[in-house]
């Protein structure tokens, strides 16, 4: 069964809102829409106007392409990584850097193995 586009967009809106630390009430207020309407958007029961989408993209710092299609450009990915790290207590920064470096090594090893096959 084909998934409803409003469900997909709504899920991305909800996930991004939560990741950015906005409550539903805060985001709705910034957008100038009701909390109930934002809830309908997030649940996929309603679509939004282009103006609302444009404002949402600005407030949530995401591209319309991401909300519509789920694709991320490198700028959004860098921002997501940055946001994830700065939300940590600073005592965990070295662990975050070590984890990223370990991930890079694992990817390099996996790529080398796939080339051998």
N, C-alpha and C. Protein backbone atom coordinates (compact mmCIF):
# COMPACT_ATOMS: atom_id res chain seq x y z
N UNK A 1 0.84 -1.18 0.00
CA UNK A 1 0.00 0.00 0.00
C UNK A 1 0.89 1.25 0.00
N UNK A 2 0.57 2.20 -0.84
CA UNK A 2 1.33 3.43 -0.95
C UNK A 2 1.05 4.31 0.27
N UNK A 3 2.11 4.83 0.85
CA UNK A 3 1.97 5.68 2.03
C UNK A 3 1.53 7.08 1.63
N UNK A 4 0.61 7.63 2.36
CA UNK A 4 0.09 8.96 2.12
C UNK A 4 1.21 9.99 2.32
N UNK A 5 1.37 10.89 1.37
CA UNK A 5 2.43 11.91 1.44
C UNK A 5 2.29 12.78 2.68
N UNK A 6 1.06 13.07 3.10
CA UNK A 6 0.87 13.87 4.30
C UNK A 6 1.39 13.15 5.54
N UNK A 7 1.27 11.82 5.57
CA UNK A 7 1.82 11.05 6.69
C UNK A 7 3.34 11.16 6.73
N UNK A 8 3.95 11.05 5.57
CA UNK A 8 5.42 11.14 5.48
C UNK A 8 5.91 12.53 5.89
N UNK A 9 5.28 13.56 5.35
CA UNK A 9 5.68 14.93 5.69
C UNK A 9 5.44 15.18 7.18
N UNK A 10 4.29 14.78 7.67
CA UNK A 10 3.96 14.99 9.08
C UNK A 10 4.95 14.33 10.01
N UNK A 11 5.38 13.13 9.66
CA UNK A 11 6.35 12.42 10.49
C UNK A 11 7.69 13.16 10.50
N UNK A 12 8.10 13.68 9.34
CA UNK A 12 9.36 14.43 9.27
C UNK A 12 9.25 15.74 10.05
N UNK A 13 8.09 16.38 9.99
CA UNK A 13 7.88 17.61 10.76
C UNK A 13 7.99 17.30 12.26
N UNK A 14 7.32 16.26 12.70
CA UNK A 14 7.33 15.90 14.12
C UNK A 14 8.75 15.55 14.59
N UNK A 15 9.43 14.71 13.83
CA UNK A 15 10.78 14.30 14.22
C UNK A 15 11.73 15.50 14.27
N UNK A 16 11.61 16.39 13.30
CA UNK A 16 12.48 17.57 13.26
C UNK A 16 12.15 18.52 14.40
N UNK A 17 10.87 18.71 14.65
CA UNK A 17 10.44 19.59 15.75
C UNK A 17 11.03 19.11 17.07
N UNK A 18 10.90 17.81 17.32
CA UNK A 18 11.41 17.23 18.57
C UNK A 18 12.94 17.35 18.63
N UNK A 19 13.60 17.05 17.51
CA UNK A 19 15.06 17.13 17.47
C UNK A 19 15.56 18.55 17.72
N UNK A 20 14.79 19.54 17.30
CA UNK A 20 15.19 20.94 17.48
C UNK A 20 14.77 21.48 18.85
N UNK A 21 14.05 20.67 19.61
CA UNK A 21 13.69 21.07 20.97
C UNK A 21 12.47 21.95 21.10
N UNK A 22 11.61 21.96 20.07
CA UNK A 22 10.38 22.75 20.13
C UNK A 22 9.24 21.89 20.66
N UNK A 23 8.41 22.47 21.50
CA UNK A 23 7.15 21.81 21.84
C UNK A 23 6.19 22.09 20.68
N UNK A 24 5.13 21.34 20.61
CA UNK A 24 4.14 21.57 19.57
C UNK A 24 3.55 22.97 19.71
N UNK A 25 3.34 23.38 20.94
CA UNK A 25 2.76 24.70 21.20
C UNK A 25 3.69 25.82 20.73
N UNK A 26 5.00 25.67 21.01
CA UNK A 26 5.96 26.70 20.59
C UNK A 26 6.01 26.82 19.07
N UNK A 27 6.13 25.69 18.39
CA UNK A 27 6.23 25.74 16.93
C UNK A 27 4.97 26.33 16.33
N UNK A 28 3.81 25.91 16.83
CA UNK A 28 2.54 26.44 16.31
C UNK A 28 2.48 27.95 16.48
N UNK A 29 2.93 28.43 17.63
CA UNK A 29 2.92 29.87 17.88
C UNK A 29 3.83 30.60 16.89
N UNK A 30 5.04 30.08 16.67
CA UNK A 30 5.96 30.70 15.72
C UNK A 30 5.39 30.70 14.31
N UNK A 31 4.65 29.64 13.97
CA UNK A 31 4.07 29.53 12.63
C UNK A 31 2.78 30.33 12.47
N UNK A 32 2.18 30.73 13.58
CA UNK A 32 0.91 31.44 13.51
C UNK A 32 -0.26 30.54 13.17
N UNK A 33 -0.16 29.28 13.61
CA UNK A 33 -1.25 28.33 13.41
C UNK A 33 -1.62 27.74 14.77
N UNK A 34 -2.74 27.08 14.83
CA UNK A 34 -3.15 26.49 16.10
C UNK A 34 -2.36 25.22 16.39
N UNK A 35 -2.26 24.91 17.66
CA UNK A 35 -1.60 23.68 18.08
C UNK A 35 -2.35 22.48 17.50
N UNK A 36 -3.66 22.57 17.47
CA UNK A 36 -4.47 21.49 16.93
C UNK A 36 -4.15 21.26 15.45
N UNK A 37 -4.03 22.34 14.68
CA UNK A 37 -3.71 22.20 13.26
C UNK A 37 -2.33 21.59 13.07
N UNK A 38 -1.36 22.03 13.87
CA UNK A 38 -0.02 21.44 13.79
C UNK A 38 -0.09 19.95 14.11
N UNK A 39 -0.90 19.59 15.08
CA UNK A 39 -1.09 18.17 15.39
C UNK A 39 -1.66 17.40 14.21
N UNK A 40 -2.61 18.01 13.50
CA UNK A 40 -3.16 17.38 12.30
C UNK A 40 -2.09 17.20 11.23
N UNK A 41 -1.23 18.20 11.07
CA UNK A 41 -0.14 18.10 10.09
C UNK A 41 0.78 16.96 10.47
N UNK A 42 1.19 16.92 11.74
CA UNK A 42 2.12 15.88 12.20
C UNK A 42 1.54 14.47 12.10
N UNK A 43 0.24 14.36 12.24
CA UNK A 43 -0.41 13.05 12.14
C UNK A 43 -0.77 12.69 10.70
N UNK A 44 -0.53 13.62 9.77
CA UNK A 44 -0.82 13.35 8.37
C UNK A 44 -2.28 13.51 7.99
N UNK A 45 -3.06 14.11 8.88
CA UNK A 45 -4.48 14.29 8.59
C UNK A 45 -4.77 15.54 7.76
N UNK A 46 -3.82 16.45 7.74
CA UNK A 46 -3.98 17.68 6.96
C UNK A 46 -2.65 18.04 6.30
N UNK A 47 -2.76 18.73 5.18
CA UNK A 47 -1.59 19.29 4.53
C UNK A 47 -1.45 20.74 4.98
N UNK A 48 -0.36 21.36 4.57
CA UNK A 48 -0.15 22.76 4.94
C UNK A 48 0.04 23.60 3.69
N UNK A 49 -0.19 24.88 3.83
CA UNK A 49 0.01 25.80 2.71
C UNK A 49 1.51 25.94 2.44
N UNK A 50 1.81 26.44 1.24
CA UNK A 50 3.21 26.68 0.90
C UNK A 50 3.85 27.72 1.82
N UNK A 51 3.07 28.70 2.21
CA UNK A 51 3.57 29.72 3.13
C UNK A 51 3.93 29.14 4.48
N UNK A 52 3.07 28.26 4.98
CA UNK A 52 3.35 27.60 6.26
C UNK A 52 4.58 26.71 6.13
N UNK A 53 4.69 26.00 5.00
CA UNK A 53 5.86 25.14 4.80
C UNK A 53 7.14 25.99 4.74
N UNK A 54 7.08 27.11 4.04
CA UNK A 54 8.25 27.98 3.94
C UNK A 54 8.68 28.46 5.32
N UNK A 55 7.73 28.91 6.12
CA UNK A 55 8.05 29.37 7.48
C UNK A 55 8.57 28.22 8.34
N UNK A 56 7.98 27.05 8.19
CA UNK A 56 8.42 25.89 8.97
C UNK A 56 9.86 25.55 8.64
N UNK A 57 10.20 25.59 7.36
CA UNK A 57 11.57 25.29 6.95
C UNK A 57 12.55 26.28 7.58
N UNK A 58 12.19 27.55 7.61
CA UNK A 58 13.06 28.56 8.21
C UNK A 58 13.21 28.32 9.71
N UNK A 59 12.11 28.10 10.39
CA UNK A 59 12.14 27.94 11.84
C UNK A 59 12.87 26.67 12.25
N UNK A 60 12.62 25.57 11.53
CA UNK A 60 13.23 24.29 11.89
C UNK A 60 14.60 24.11 11.25
N UNK A 61 14.99 25.04 10.40
CA UNK A 61 16.28 24.98 9.70
C UNK A 61 16.41 23.68 8.90
N UNK A 62 15.41 23.40 8.09
CA UNK A 62 15.44 22.26 7.17
C UNK A 62 15.03 22.74 5.80
N UNK A 63 15.35 21.95 4.79
CA UNK A 63 14.96 22.31 3.42
C UNK A 63 13.56 21.79 3.15
N UNK A 64 12.89 22.44 2.21
CA UNK A 64 11.58 21.96 1.77
C UNK A 64 11.74 20.58 1.13
N UNK A 65 12.88 20.36 0.48
CA UNK A 65 13.15 19.06 -0.11
C UNK A 65 13.14 17.97 0.95
N UNK A 66 13.70 18.28 2.11
CA UNK A 66 13.68 17.28 3.19
C UNK A 66 12.25 17.02 3.65
N UNK A 67 11.48 18.07 3.89
CA UNK A 67 10.10 17.85 4.36
C UNK A 67 9.27 17.10 3.32
N UNK A 68 9.43 17.46 2.04
CA UNK A 68 8.63 16.84 0.99
C UNK A 68 9.10 15.43 0.62
N UNK A 69 10.41 15.28 0.46
CA UNK A 69 10.95 14.03 -0.09
C UNK A 69 11.77 13.19 0.89
N UNK A 70 12.15 13.80 2.00
CA UNK A 70 12.96 13.07 2.96
C UNK A 70 14.44 13.06 2.65
N UNK A 71 14.86 13.83 1.65
CA UNK A 71 16.28 13.88 1.31
C UNK A 71 16.94 15.00 2.08
N UNK A 72 18.18 14.78 2.43
CA UNK A 72 18.94 15.78 3.19
C UNK A 72 20.13 16.22 2.37
N UNK A 73 20.34 17.51 2.35
CA UNK A 73 21.57 17.99 1.72
C UNK A 73 22.65 18.05 2.78
N UNK A 74 23.88 18.23 2.36
CA UNK A 74 24.99 18.17 3.30
C UNK A 74 24.90 19.26 4.36
N UNK A 75 24.36 20.41 4.03
CA UNK A 75 24.25 21.48 5.02
C UNK A 75 23.36 21.05 6.18
N UNK A 76 22.23 20.40 5.88
CA UNK A 76 21.34 19.93 6.93
C UNK A 76 21.99 18.84 7.77
N UNK A 77 22.74 17.97 7.12
CA UNK A 77 23.40 16.89 7.85
C UNK A 77 24.43 17.47 8.80
N UNK A 78 25.23 18.43 8.35
CA UNK A 78 26.21 19.06 9.23
C UNK A 78 25.53 19.71 10.42
N UNK A 79 24.42 20.38 10.16
CA UNK A 79 23.68 21.04 11.23
C UNK A 79 23.13 20.00 12.21
N UNK A 80 22.62 18.88 11.71
CA UNK A 80 22.11 17.82 12.59
C UNK A 80 23.22 17.24 13.46
N UNK A 81 24.38 17.02 12.87
CA UNK A 81 25.52 16.48 13.65
C UNK A 81 25.93 17.50 14.71
N UNK A 82 26.05 18.74 14.32
CA UNK A 82 26.41 19.80 15.25
C UNK A 82 25.40 19.87 16.39
N UNK A 83 24.11 19.90 16.06
CA UNK A 83 23.06 19.98 17.08
C UNK A 83 23.14 18.81 18.04
N UNK A 84 23.36 17.61 17.51
CA UNK A 84 23.43 16.42 18.36
C UNK A 84 24.60 16.52 19.34
N UNK A 85 25.70 17.06 18.88
CA UNK A 85 26.89 17.15 19.75
C UNK A 85 26.72 18.25 20.79
N UNK A 86 26.26 19.43 20.39
CA UNK A 86 26.16 20.52 21.36
C UNK A 86 25.07 20.28 22.40
N UNK A 87 24.14 19.39 22.12
CA UNK A 87 23.13 19.07 23.12
C UNK A 87 23.69 18.19 24.23
N UNK A 88 24.87 17.60 24.00
CA UNK A 88 25.51 16.78 25.02
C UNK A 88 26.13 17.66 26.11
N UNK A 89 26.27 17.10 27.28
CA UNK A 89 27.07 17.74 28.32
C UNK A 89 28.50 17.78 27.79
N UNK A 90 29.20 18.88 27.97
CA UNK A 90 30.53 19.04 27.38
C UNK A 90 31.52 17.97 27.82
N UNK A 91 31.27 17.33 28.93
CA UNK A 91 32.19 16.27 29.36
C UNK A 91 32.14 15.07 28.42
N UNK A 92 31.10 14.98 27.57
CA UNK A 92 30.97 13.88 26.62
C UNK A 92 31.51 14.21 25.23
N UNK A 93 31.99 15.43 25.02
CA UNK A 93 32.52 15.80 23.71
C UNK A 93 33.65 14.87 23.25
N UNK A 94 34.62 14.54 24.11
CA UNK A 94 35.67 13.62 23.65
C UNK A 94 35.11 12.25 23.23
N UNK A 95 34.11 11.77 23.93
CA UNK A 95 33.48 10.50 23.56
C UNK A 95 32.79 10.62 22.21
N UNK A 96 32.14 11.75 21.96
CA UNK A 96 31.47 11.95 20.67
C UNK A 96 32.50 11.96 19.54
N UNK A 97 33.62 12.65 19.72
CA UNK A 97 34.67 12.69 18.70
C UNK A 97 35.24 11.30 18.47
N UNK A 98 35.51 10.56 19.56
CA UNK A 98 36.01 9.19 19.42
C UNK A 98 35.02 8.32 18.66
N UNK A 99 33.75 8.48 18.95
CA UNK A 99 32.71 7.68 18.27
C UNK A 99 32.68 7.99 16.77
N UNK A 100 32.79 9.25 16.42
CA UNK A 100 32.79 9.63 15.01
C UNK A 100 34.03 9.07 14.31
N UNK A 101 35.18 9.17 14.96
CA UNK A 101 36.40 8.61 14.38
C UNK A 101 36.33 7.10 14.23
N UNK A 102 35.75 6.41 15.20
CA UNK A 102 35.56 4.96 15.09
C UNK A 102 34.61 4.62 13.94
N UNK A 103 33.57 5.40 13.78
CA UNK A 103 32.64 5.19 12.68
C UNK A 103 33.35 5.36 11.34
N UNK A 104 34.18 6.38 11.23
CA UNK A 104 34.93 6.59 9.99
C UNK A 104 35.83 5.40 9.68
N UNK A 105 36.51 4.87 10.71
CA UNK A 105 37.37 3.70 10.51
C UNK A 105 36.55 2.49 10.07
N UNK A 106 35.41 2.27 10.70
CA UNK A 106 34.56 1.13 10.34
C UNK A 106 34.07 1.24 8.90
N UNK A 107 33.71 2.44 8.48
CA UNK A 107 33.25 2.66 7.11
C UNK A 107 34.39 2.39 6.13
N UNK A 108 35.58 2.88 6.45
CA UNK A 108 36.74 2.66 5.59
C UNK A 108 37.02 1.16 5.44
N UNK A 109 36.98 0.43 6.53
CA UNK A 109 37.21 -1.02 6.50
C UNK A 109 36.14 -1.72 5.67
N UNK A 110 34.88 -1.33 5.87
CA UNK A 110 33.78 -1.94 5.12
C UNK A 110 33.92 -1.66 3.63
N UNK A 111 34.32 -0.43 3.28
CA UNK A 111 34.52 -0.10 1.85
C UNK A 111 35.66 -0.91 1.25
N UNK A 112 36.73 -1.08 2.01
CA UNK A 112 37.87 -1.87 1.52
C UNK A 112 37.46 -3.32 1.30
N UNK A 113 36.70 -3.87 2.22
CA UNK A 113 36.24 -5.26 2.08
C UNK A 113 35.32 -5.43 0.89
N UNK A 114 34.45 -4.44 0.67
CA UNK A 114 33.52 -4.56 -0.46
C UNK A 114 34.25 -4.47 -1.79
N UNK A 115 35.37 -3.75 -1.84
CA UNK A 115 36.15 -3.65 -3.08
C UNK A 115 36.91 -4.95 -3.37
N UNK A 116 37.23 -5.69 -2.29
CA UNK A 116 37.94 -6.97 -2.44
C UNK A 116 37.04 -8.04 -3.04
N UNK A 117 35.75 -7.89 -2.87
CA UNK A 117 34.82 -8.93 -3.33
C UNK A 117 34.56 -8.85 -4.77
